[in-house]
Amino acid sequence: MSFLGISSYYRQHLKDFAILAKSLYRICDQQTVFENTQERIKAYEKIGKALTEAPLILMPDWNIPFKLYIDACGDGLGAALHQVQIIDNKPTEGPVC
């Protein structure tokens, strides 16, 4: 439960977090017998790896347009607000905080 708690805190920065964590959340139910499946091991490893990779998070520049990305499926939904900003003389797209 601690792993899910800390990773959920950063969920807005982890792509497809709801889908990745789905199998791990299922074992939090008291009615569920704990079983360490390959699906859960892979989910744990993918979330752990994503937490260690430093994503680029931009400060919003109110003078340039924003892009809103949305995604939904039967297992989860999400949205991300992005901008294209010039960083090191290159156009760089990233999420804004």
PDB file of N, CA and C in Angstrom:
ATOM      1  N   MET A   1       0.821  -1.184   0.000  1.00  0.00           N
ATOM      2  CA  MET A   1       0.000   0.000   0.000  1.00  0.00           C
ATOM      3  C   MET A   1       0.871   1.255   0.000  1.00  0.00           C
ATOM      4  N   SER A   2       2.025   1.246   0.662  1.00  0.00           N
ATOM      5  CA  SER A   2       2.895   2.417   0.691  1.00  0.00           C
ATOM      6  C   SER A   2       3.389   2.772  -0.714  1.00  0.00           C
ATOM      7  N   PHE A   3       3.738   1.760  -1.502  1.00  0.00           N
ATOM      8  CA  PHE A   3       4.206   2.004  -2.863  1.00  0.00           C
ATOM      9  C   PHE A   3       3.120   2.698  -3.676  1.00  0.00           C
ATOM     10  N   LEU A   4       1.897   2.218  -3.576  1.00  0.00           N
ATOM     11  CA  LEU A   4       0.800   2.844  -4.307  1.00  0.00           C
ATOM     12  C   LEU A   4       0.546   4.266  -3.814  1.00  0.00           C
ATOM     13  N   GLY A   5       0.696   4.480  -2.520  1.00  0.00           N
ATOM     14  CA  GLY A   5       0.476   5.807  -1.971  1.00  0.00           C
ATOM     15  C   GLY A   5       1.455   6.822  -2.512  1.00  0.00           C
ATOM     16  N   ILE A   6       2.736   6.491  -2.493  1.00  0.00           N
ATOM     17  CA  ILE A   6       3.745   7.442  -2.970  1.00  0.00           C
ATOM     18  C   ILE A   6       3.680   7.601  -4.483  1.00  0.00           C
ATOM     19  N   SER A   7       3.451   6.514  -5.203  1.00  0.00           N
ATOM     20  CA  SER A   7       3.383   6.635  -6.657  1.00  0.00           C
ATOM     21  C   SER A   7       2.116   7.377  -7.083  1.00  0.00           C
ATOM     22  N   SER A   8       1.040   7.205  -6.343  1.00  0.00           N
ATOM     23  CA  SER A   8      -0.196   7.921  -6.652  1.00  0.00           C
ATOM     24  C   SER A   8      -0.031   9.432  -6.455  1.00  0.00           C
ATOM     25  N   TYR A   9       0.825   9.822  -5.517  1.00  0.00           N
ATOM     26  CA  TYR A   9       1.106  11.237  -5.302  1.00  0.00           C
ATOM     27  C   TYR A   9       1.660  11.881  -6.575  1.00  0.00           C
ATOM     28  N   TYR A  10       2.437  11.115  -7.343  1.00  0.00           N
ATOM     29  CA  TYR A  10       3.049  11.614  -8.574  1.00  0.00           C
ATOM     30  C   TYR A  10       2.277  11.202  -9.827  1.00  0.00           C
ATOM     31  N   ARG A  11       1.082  10.685  -9.667  1.00  0.00           N
ATOM     32  CA  ARG A  11       0.322  10.128 -10.786  1.00  0.00           C
ATOM     33  C   ARG A  11       0.130  11.089 -11.936  1.00  0.00           C
ATOM     34  N   GLN A  12       0.010  12.386 -11.655  1.00  0.00           N
ATOM     35  CA  GLN A  12      -0.210  13.340 -12.747  1.00  0.00           C
ATOM     36  C   GLN A  12       0.988  13.444 -13.679  1.00  0.00           C
ATOM     37  N   HIS A  13       2.140  12.972 -13.233  1.00  0.00           N
ATOM     38  CA  HIS A  13       3.341  13.009 -14.056  1.00  0.00           C
ATOM     39  C   HIS A  13       3.685  11.644 -14.653  1.00  0.00           C
ATOM     40  N   LEU A  14       2.887  10.627 -14.350  1.00  0.00           N
ATOM     41  CA  LEU A  14       3.153   9.271 -14.842  1.00  0.00           C
ATOM     42  C   LEU A  14       2.126   8.897 -15.899  1.00  0.00           C
ATOM     43  N   LYS A  15       2.585   8.703 -17.115  1.00  0.00           N
ATOM     44  CA  LYS A  15       1.702   8.360 -18.225  1.00  0.00           C
ATOM     45  C   LYS A  15       0.987   7.039 -17.955  1.00  0.00           C
ATOM     46  N   ASP A  16      -0.318   7.036 -18.174  1.00  0.00           N
ATOM     47  CA  ASP A  16      -1.166   5.843 -18.028  1.00  0.00           C
ATOM     48  C   ASP A  16      -1.123   5.248 -16.624  1.00  0.00           C
ATOM     49  N   PHE A  17      -0.975   6.081 -15.598  1.00  0.00           N
ATOM     50  CA  PHE A  17      -0.863   5.572 -14.230  1.00  0.00           C
ATOM     51  C   PHE A  17      -2.063   4.706 -13.838  1.00  0.00           C
ATOM     52  N   ALA A  18      -3.268   5.169 -14.121  1.00  0.00           N
ATOM     53  CA  ALA A  18      -4.469   4.425 -13.710  1.00  0.00           C
ATOM     54  C   ALA A  18      -4.490   3.023 -14.311  1.00  0.00           C
ATOM     55  N   ILE A  19      -4.093   2.918 -15.550  1.00  0.00           N
ATOM     56  CA  ILE A  19      -4.082   1.609 -16.214  1.00  0.00           C
ATOM     57  C   ILE A  19      -2.976   0.730 -15.631  1.00  0.00           C
ATOM     58  N   LEU A  20      -1.787   1.319 -15.428  1.00  0.00           N
ATOM     59  CA  LEU A  20      -0.671   0.550 -14.867  1.00  0.00           C
ATOM     60  C   LEU A  20      -0.975   0.043 -13.458  1.00  0.00           C
ATOM     61  N   ALA A  21      -1.595   0.884 -12.648  1.00  0.00           N
ATOM     62  CA  ALA A  21      -1.807   0.549 -11.232  1.00  0.00           C
ATOM     63  C   ALA A  21      -3.059  -0.272 -10.975  1.00  0.00           C
ATOM     64  N   LYS A  22      -3.863  -0.487 -11.983  1.00  0.00           N
ATOM     65  CA  LYS A  22      -5.142  -1.183 -11.813  1.00  0.00           C
ATOM     66  C   LYS A  22      -4.984  -2.534 -11.097  1.00  0.00           C
ATOM     67  N   SER A  23      -4.041  -3.347 -11.539  1.00  0.00           N
ATOM     68  CA  SER A  23      -3.882  -4.680 -10.933  1.00  0.00           C
ATOM     69  C   SER A  23      -3.357  -4.582  -9.500  1.00  0.00           C
ATOM     70  N   LEU A  24      -2.588  -3.535  -9.210  1.00  0.00           N
ATOM     71  CA  LEU A  24      -2.065  -3.366  -7.854  1.00  0.00           C
ATOM     72  C   LEU A  24      -3.150  -2.889  -6.896  1.00  0.00           C
ATOM     73  N   TYR A  25      -4.029  -2.034  -7.375  1.00  0.00           N
ATOM     74  CA  TYR A  25      -5.132  -1.568  -6.521  1.00  0.00           C
ATOM     75  C   TYR A  25      -6.094  -2.699  -6.163  1.00  0.00           C
ATOM     76  N   ARG A  26      -6.211  -3.677  -7.054  1.00  0.00           N
ATOM     77  CA  ARG A  26      -7.125  -4.802  -6.778  1.00  0.00           C
ATOM     78  C   ARG A  26      -6.731  -5.572  -5.517  1.00  0.00           C
ATOM     79  N   ILE A  27      -5.441  -5.642  -5.206  1.00  0.00           N
ATOM     80  CA  ILE A  27      -5.023  -6.414  -4.030  1.00  0.00           C
ATOM     81  C   ILE A  27      -5.206  -5.631  -2.727  1.00  0.00           C
ATOM     82  N   CYS A  28      -5.613  -4.372  -2.827  1.00  0.00           N
ATOM     83  CA  CYS A  28      -5.885  -3.576  -1.622  1.00  0.00           C
ATOM     84  C   CYS A  28      -7.242  -3.912  -1.020  1.00  0.00           C
ATOM     85  N   ASP A  29      -8.089  -4.527  -1.810  1.00  0.00           N
ATOM     86  CA  ASP A  29      -9.410  -4.933  -1.325  1.00  0.00           C
ATOM     87  C   ASP A  29      -9.242  -6.071  -0.316  1.00  0.00           C
ATOM     88  N   GLN A  30      -9.855  -5.934   0.837  1.00  0.00           N
ATOM     89  CA  GLN A  30      -9.718  -6.951   1.894  1.00  0.00           C
ATOM     90  C   GLN A  30     -10.305  -8.295   1.491  1.00  0.00           C
ATOM     91  N   GLN A  31     -11.180  -8.286   0.514  1.00  0.00           N
ATOM     92  CA  GLN A  31     -11.789  -9.538   0.055  1.00  0.00           C
ATOM     93  C   GLN A  31     -10.887 -10.308  -0.909  1.00  0.00           C
ATOM     94  N   THR A  32      -9.840  -9.664  -1.387  1.00  0.00           N
ATOM     95  CA  THR A  32      -8.948 -10.277  -2.368  1.00  0.00           C
ATOM     96  C   THR A  32      -7.803 -10.994  -1.673  1.00  0.00           C
ATOM     97  N   VAL A  33      -7.570 -12.228  -2.082  1.00  0.00           N
ATOM     98  CA  VAL A  33      -6.430 -12.984  -1.579  1.00  0.00           C
ATOM     99  C   VAL A  33      -5.200 -12.528  -2.346  1.00  0.00           C
ATOM    100  N   PHE A  34      -4.126 -12.194  -1.612  1.00  0.00           N
ATOM    101  CA  PHE A  34      -2.916 -11.711  -2.267  1.00  0.00           C
ATOM    102  C   PHE A  34      -2.301 -12.817  -3.113  1.00  0.00           C
ATOM    103  N   GLU A  35      -2.043 -12.478  -4.348  1.00  0.00           N
ATOM    104  CA  GLU A  35      -1.361 -13.388  -5.266  1.00  0.00           C
ATOM    105  C   GLU A  35      -0.428 -12.538  -6.117  1.00  0.00           C
ATOM    106  N   ASN A  36       0.852 -12.832  -6.089  1.00  0.00           N
ATOM    107  CA  ASN A  36       1.847 -12.069  -6.832  1.00  0.00           C
ATOM    108  C   ASN A  36       1.917 -12.608  -8.256  1.00  0.00           C
ATOM    109  N   THR A  37       1.189 -11.963  -9.173  1.00  0.00           N
ATOM    110  CA  THR A  37       1.129 -12.419 -10.560  1.00  0.00           C
ATOM    111  C   THR A  37       2.149 -11.672 -11.415  1.00  0.00           C
ATOM    112  N   GLN A  38       2.402 -12.194 -12.598  1.00  0.00           N
ATOM    113  CA  GLN A  38       3.311 -11.531 -13.543  1.00  0.00           C
ATOM    114  C   GLN A  38       2.791 -10.142 -13.891  1.00  0.00           C
ATOM    115  N   GLU A  39       1.480 -10.014 -14.030  1.00  0.00           N
ATOM    116  CA  GLU A  39       0.879  -8.714 -14.349  1.00  0.00           C
ATOM    117  C   GLU A  39       1.205  -7.693 -13.255  1.00  0.00           C
ATOM    118  N   ARG A  40       1.109  -8.098 -12.000  1.00  0.00           N
ATOM    119  CA  ARG A  40       1.386  -7.190 -10.881  1.00  0.00           C
ATOM    120  C   ARG A  40       2.875  -6.868 -10.770  1.00  0.00           C
ATOM    121  N   ILE A  41       3.707  -7.839 -11.021  1.00  0.00           N
ATOM    122  CA  ILE A  41       5.152  -7.598 -10.991  1.00  0.00           C
ATOM    123  C   ILE A  41       5.539  -6.600 -12.079  1.00  0.00           C
ATOM    124  N   LYS A  42       4.994  -6.792 -13.285  1.00  0.00           N
ATOM    125  CA  LYS A  42       5.283  -5.871 -14.386  1.00  0.00           C
ATOM    126  C   LYS A  42       4.772  -4.466 -14.072  1.00  0.00           C
ATOM    127  N   ALA A  43       3.581  -4.367 -13.499  1.00  0.00           N
ATOM    128  CA  ALA A  43       3.018  -3.061 -13.141  1.00  0.00           C
ATOM    129  C   ALA A  43       3.910  -2.365 -12.120  1.00  0.00           C
ATOM    130  N   TYR A  44       4.336  -3.095 -11.099  1.00  0.00           N
ATOM    131  CA  TYR A  44       5.221  -2.546 -10.074  1.00  0.00           C
ATOM    132  C   TYR A  44       6.522  -2.044 -10.697  1.00  0.00           C
ATOM    133  N   GLU A  45       7.101  -2.837 -11.582  1.00  0.00           N
ATOM    134  CA  GLU A  45       8.367  -2.465 -12.214  1.00  0.00           C
ATOM    135  C   GLU A  45       8.209  -1.253 -13.133  1.00  0.00           C
ATOM    136  N   LYS A  46       7.123  -1.207 -13.912  1.00  0.00           N
ATOM    137  CA  LYS A  46       6.899  -0.079 -14.823  1.00  0.00           C
ATOM    138  C   LYS A  46       6.675   1.220 -14.056  1.00  0.00           C
ATOM    139  N   ILE A  47       5.896   1.159 -12.982  1.00  0.00           N
ATOM    140  CA  ILE A  47       5.652   2.361 -12.183  1.00  0.00           C
ATOM    141  C   ILE A  47       6.946   2.804 -11.510  1.00  0.00           C
ATOM    142  N   GLY A  48       7.688   1.851 -10.950  1.00  0.00           N
ATOM    143  CA  GLY A  48       8.964   2.181 -10.313  1.00  0.00           C
ATOM    144  C   GLY A  48       9.935   2.819 -11.284  1.00  0.00           C
ATOM    145  N   LYS A  49      10.007   2.300 -12.505  1.00  0.00           N
ATOM    146  CA  LYS A  49      10.900   2.866 -13.524  1.00  0.00           C
ATOM    147  C   LYS A  49      10.451   4.277 -13.894  1.00  0.00           C
ATOM    148  N   ALA A  50       9.150   4.458 -14.073  1.00  0.00           N
ATOM    149  CA  ALA A  50       8.637   5.781 -14.431  1.00  0.00           C
ATOM    150  C   ALA A  50       8.922   6.810 -13.344  1.00  0.00           C
ATOM    151  N   LEU A  51       8.914   6.383 -12.089  1.00  0.00           N
ATOM    152  CA  LEU A  51       9.195   7.303 -10.985  1.00  0.00           C
ATOM    153  C   LEU A  51      10.648   7.766 -10.972  1.00  0.00           C
ATOM    154  N   THR A  52      11.542   6.972 -11.533  1.00  0.00           N
ATOM    155  CA  THR A  52      12.964   7.321 -11.518  1.00  0.00           C
ATOM    156  C   THR A  52      13.400   8.117 -12.746  1.00  0.00           C
ATOM    157  N   GLU A  53      12.540   8.214 -13.743  1.00  0.00           N
ATOM    158  CA  GLU A  53      12.872   8.977 -14.939  1.00  0.00           C
ATOM    159  C   GLU A  53      12.410  10.413 -14.730  1.00  0.00           C
ATOM    160  N   ALA A  54      13.268  11.344 -15.023  1.00  0.00           N
ATOM    161  CA  ALA A  54      12.950  12.755 -14.794  1.00  0.00           C
ATOM    162  C   ALA A  54      12.194  13.339 -15.985  1.00  0.00           C
ATOM    163  N   PRO A  55      10.886  13.534 -15.856  1.00  0.00           N
ATOM    164  CA  PRO A  55      10.152  14.160 -16.949  1.00  0.00           C
ATOM    165  C   PRO A  55      10.389  15.672 -16.949  1.00  0.00           C
ATOM    166  N   LEU A  56      10.268  16.276 -18.100  1.00  0.00           N
ATOM    167  CA  LEU A  56      10.396  17.718 -18.210  1.00  0.00           C
ATOM    168  C   LEU A  56       9.045  18.331 -17.874  1.00  0.00           C
ATOM    169  N   ILE A  57       9.000  19.132 -16.830  1.00  0.00           N
ATOM    170  CA  ILE A  57       7.775  19.814 -16.439  1.00  0.00           C
ATOM    171  C   ILE A  57       8.032  21.303 -16.572  1.00  0.00           C
ATOM    172  N   LEU A  58       7.243  21.964 -17.401  1.00  0.00           N
ATOM    173  CA  LEU A  58       7.458  23.371 -17.706  1.00  0.00           C
ATOM    174  C   LEU A  58       6.603  24.275 -16.831  1.00  0.00           C
ATOM    175  N   MET A  59       7.125  25.450 -16.581  1.00  0.00           N
ATOM    176  CA  MET A  59       6.321  26.501 -15.963  1.00  0.00           C
ATOM    177  C   MET A  59       5.469  27.104 -17.077  1.00  0.00           C
ATOM    178  N   PRO A  60       4.212  27.408 -16.812  1.00  0.00           N
ATOM    179  CA  PRO A  60       3.364  27.940 -17.885  1.00  0.00           C
ATOM    180  C   PRO A  60       3.828  29.327 -18.344  1.00  0.00           C
ATOM    181  N   ASP A  61       3.801  29.513 -19.645  1.00  0.00           N
ATOM    182  CA  ASP A  61       4.046  30.823 -20.237  1.00  0.00           C
ATOM    183  C   ASP A  61       2.692  31.290 -20.764  1.00  0.00           C
ATOM    184  N   TRP A  62       2.111  32.273 -20.106  1.00  0.00           N
ATOM    185  CA  TRP A  62       0.747  32.702 -20.400  1.00  0.00           C
ATOM    186  C   TRP A  62       0.635  33.438 -21.731  1.00  0.00           C
ATOM    187  N   ASN A  63       1.760  33.689 -22.393  1.00  0.00           N
ATOM    188  CA  ASN A  63       1.754  34.408 -23.664  1.00  0.00           C
ATOM    189  C   ASN A  63       1.744  33.493 -24.878  1.00  0.00           C
ATOM    190  N   ILE A  64       1.824  32.190 -24.676  1.00  0.00           N
ATOM    191  CA  ILE A  64       1.793  31.256 -25.802  1.00  0.00           C
ATOM    192  C   ILE A  64       0.662  30.253 -25.593  1.00  0.00           C
ATOM    193  N   PRO A  65       0.172  29.646 -26.687  1.00  0.00           N
ATOM    194  CA  PRO A  65      -0.975  28.728 -26.574  1.00  0.00           C
ATOM    195  C   PRO A  65      -0.646  27.456 -25.787  1.00  0.00           C
ATOM    196  N   PHE A  66      -1.671  26.880 -25.230  1.00  0.00           N
ATOM    197  CA  PHE A  66      -1.599  25.596 -24.533  1.00  0.00           C
ATOM    198  C   PHE A  66      -2.174  24.515 -25.438  1.00  0.00           C
ATOM    199  N   LYS A  67      -1.776  23.274 -25.200  1.00  0.00           N
ATOM    200  CA  LYS A  67      -2.361  22.108 -25.853  1.00  0.00           C
ATOM    201  C   LYS A  67      -2.961  21.232 -24.762  1.00  0.00           C
ATOM    202  N   LEU A  68      -4.176  20.773 -24.967  1.00  0.00           N
ATOM    203  CA  LEU A  68      -4.824  19.883 -24.009  1.00  0.00           C
ATOM    204  C   LEU A  68      -4.963  18.510 -24.650  1.00  0.00           C
ATOM    205  N   TYR A  69      -4.341  17.508 -24.040  1.00  0.00           N
ATOM    206  CA  TYR A  69      -4.440  16.131 -24.503  1.00  0.00           C
ATOM    207  C   TYR A  69      -5.363  15.384 -23.555  1.00  0.00           C
ATOM    208  N   ILE A  70      -6.319  14.663 -24.115  1.00  0.00           N
ATOM    209  CA  ILE A  70      -7.218  13.851 -23.289  1.00  0.00           C
ATOM    210  C   ILE A  70      -7.221  12.428 -23.818  1.00  0.00           C
ATOM    211  N   ASP A  71      -7.478  11.493 -22.912  1.00  0.00           N
ATOM    212  CA  ASP A  71      -7.492  10.081 -23.275  1.00  0.00           C
ATOM    213  C   ASP A  71      -8.453   9.367 -22.341  1.00  0.00           C
ATOM    214  N   ALA A  72      -9.198   8.432 -22.870  1.00  0.00           N
ATOM    215  CA  ALA A  72     -10.130   7.673 -22.038  1.00  0.00           C
ATOM    216  C   ALA A  72     -10.318   6.288 -22.636  1.00  0.00           C
ATOM    217  N   CYS A  73     -10.526   5.326 -21.753  1.00  0.00           N
ATOM    218  CA  CYS A  73     -10.847   3.968 -22.167  1.00  0.00           C
ATOM    219  C   CYS A  73     -11.652   3.335 -21.037  1.00  0.00           C
ATOM    220  N   GLY A  74     -11.975   2.092 -21.153  1.00  0.00           N
ATOM    221  CA  GLY A  74     -12.763   1.413 -20.134  1.00  0.00           C
ATOM    222  C   GLY A  74     -12.046   1.280 -18.794  1.00  0.00           C
ATOM    223  N   ASP A  75     -10.716   1.382 -18.786  1.00  0.00           N
ATOM    224  CA  ASP A  75      -9.941   1.195 -17.559  1.00  0.00           C
ATOM    225  C   ASP A  75      -9.471   2.487 -16.906  1.00  0.00           C
ATOM    226  N   GLY A  76      -9.578   3.605 -17.566  1.00  0.00           N
ATOM    227  CA  GLY A  76      -9.109   4.849 -16.961  1.00  0.00           C
ATOM    228  C   GLY A  76      -9.261   6.019 -17.901  1.00  0.00           C
ATOM    229  N   LEU A  77      -9.009   7.198 -17.366  1.00  0.00           N
ATOM    230  CA  LEU A  77      -9.038   8.407 -18.175  1.00  0.00           C
ATOM    231  C   LEU A  77      -7.986   9.367 -17.666  1.00  0.00           C
ATOM    232  N   GLY A  78      -7.613  10.303 -18.504  1.00  0.00           N
ATOM    233  CA  GLY A  78      -6.596  11.248 -18.092  1.00  0.00           C
ATOM    234  C   GLY A  78      -6.558  12.442 -19.007  1.00  0.00           C
ATOM    235  N   ALA A  79      -5.852  13.463 -18.571  1.00  0.00           N
ATOM    236  CA  ALA A  79      -5.676  14.671 -19.363  1.00  0.00           C
ATOM    237  C   ALA A  79      -4.322  15.270 -19.028  1.00  0.00           C
ATOM    238  N   ALA A  80      -3.741  15.973 -19.978  1.00  0.00           N
ATOM    239  CA  ALA A  80      -2.456  16.632 -19.757  1.00  0.00           C
ATOM    240  C   ALA A  80      -2.457  17.968 -20.489  1.00  0.00           C
ATOM    241  N   LEU A  81      -1.993  18.990 -19.794  1.00  0.00           N
ATOM    242  CA  LEU A  81      -1.883  20.319 -20.368  1.00  0.00           C
ATOM    243  C   LEU A  81      -0.422  20.541 -20.756  1.00  0.00           C
ATOM    244  N   HIS A  82      -0.179  20.818 -22.047  1.00  0.00           N
ATOM    245  CA  HIS A  82       1.178  20.968 -22.573  1.00  0.00           C
ATOM    246  C   HIS A  82       1.361  22.344 -23.200  1.00  0.00           C
ATOM    247  N   GLN A  83       2.627  22.691 -23.388  1.00  0.00           N
ATOM    248  CA  GLN A  83       3.012  23.850 -24.177  1.00  0.00           C
ATOM    249  C   GLN A  83       4.277  23.514 -24.946  1.00  0.00           C
ATOM    250  N   VAL A  84       4.460  24.210 -26.066  1.00  0.00           N
ATOM    251  CA  VAL A  84       5.726  24.136 -26.790  1.00  0.00           C
ATOM    252  C   VAL A  84       6.479  25.413 -26.444  1.00  0.00           C
ATOM    253  N   GLN A  85       7.631  25.252 -25.791  1.00  0.00           N
ATOM    254  CA  GLN A  85       8.460  26.384 -25.399  1.00  0.00           C
ATOM    255  C   GLN A  85       9.851  26.211 -25.991  1.00  0.00           C
ATOM    256  N   ILE A  86      10.550  27.306 -26.159  1.00  0.00           N
ATOM    257  CA  ILE A  86      11.914  27.260 -26.678  1.00  0.00           C
ATOM    258  C   ILE A  86      12.868  27.059 -25.493  1.00  0.00           C
ATOM    259  N   ILE A  87      13.555  25.917 -25.492  1.00  0.00           N
ATOM    260  CA  ILE A  87      14.525  25.594 -24.441  1.00  0.00           C
ATOM    261  C   ILE A  87      15.826  25.205 -25.138  1.00  0.00           C
ATOM    262  N   ASP A  88      16.911  25.858 -24.767  1.00  0.00           N
ATOM    263  CA  ASP A  88      18.216  25.637 -25.411  1.00  0.00           C
ATOM    264  C   ASP A  88      18.115  25.813 -26.926  1.00  0.00           C
ATOM    265  N   ASN A  89      17.387  26.847 -27.336  1.00  0.00           N
ATOM    266  CA  ASN A  89      17.197  27.200 -28.757  1.00  0.00           C
ATOM    267  C   ASN A  89      16.475  26.121 -29.561  1.00  0.00           C
ATOM    268  N   LYS A  90      15.745  25.221 -28.899  1.00  0.00           N
ATOM    269  CA  LYS A  90      14.983  24.181 -29.589  1.00  0.00           C
ATOM    270  C   LYS A  90      13.541  24.218 -29.100  1.00  0.00           C
ATOM    271  N   PRO A  91      12.564  24.053 -30.005  1.00  0.00           N
ATOM    272  CA  PRO A  91      11.184  23.942 -29.547  1.00  0.00           C
ATOM    273  C   PRO A  91      11.019  22.633 -28.763  1.00  0.00           C
ATOM    274  N   THR A  92      10.530  22.732 -27.542  1.00  0.00           N
ATOM    275  CA  THR A  92      10.370  21.574 -26.671  1.00  0.00           C
ATOM    276  C   THR A  92       8.957  21.546 -26.136  1.00  0.00           C
ATOM    277  N   GLU A  93       8.276  20.424 -26.357  1.00  0.00           N
ATOM    278  CA  GLU A  93       6.926  20.277 -25.816  1.00  0.00           C
ATOM    279  C   GLU A  93       6.984  19.483 -24.528  1.00  0.00           C
ATOM    280  N   GLY A  94       6.230  19.946 -23.541  1.00  0.00           N
ATOM    281  CA  GLY A  94       6.169  19.236 -22.274  1.00  0.00           C
ATOM    282  C   GLY A  94       4.959  19.661 -21.472  1.00  0.00           C
ATOM    283  N   PRO A  95       4.654  18.893 -20.435  1.00  0.00           N
ATOM    284  CA  PRO A  95       3.524  19.245 -19.578  1.00  0.00           C
ATOM    285  C   PRO A  95       3.855  20.470 -18.734  1.00  0.00           C
ATOM    286  N   VAL A  96       2.840  21.257 -18.459  1.00  0.00           N
ATOM    287  CA  VAL A  96       3.025  22.432 -17.598  1.00  0.00           C
ATOM    288  C   VAL A  96       2.439  22.140 -16.226  1.00  0.00           C
ATOM    289  N   CYS A  97       3.036  22.743 -15.205  1.00  0.00           N
ATOM    290  CA  CYS A  97       2.544  22.508 -13.847  1.00  0.00           C
ATOM    291  C   CYS A  97       1.574  23.594 -13.440  1.00  0.00           C
TER     292      CYS A  97
END
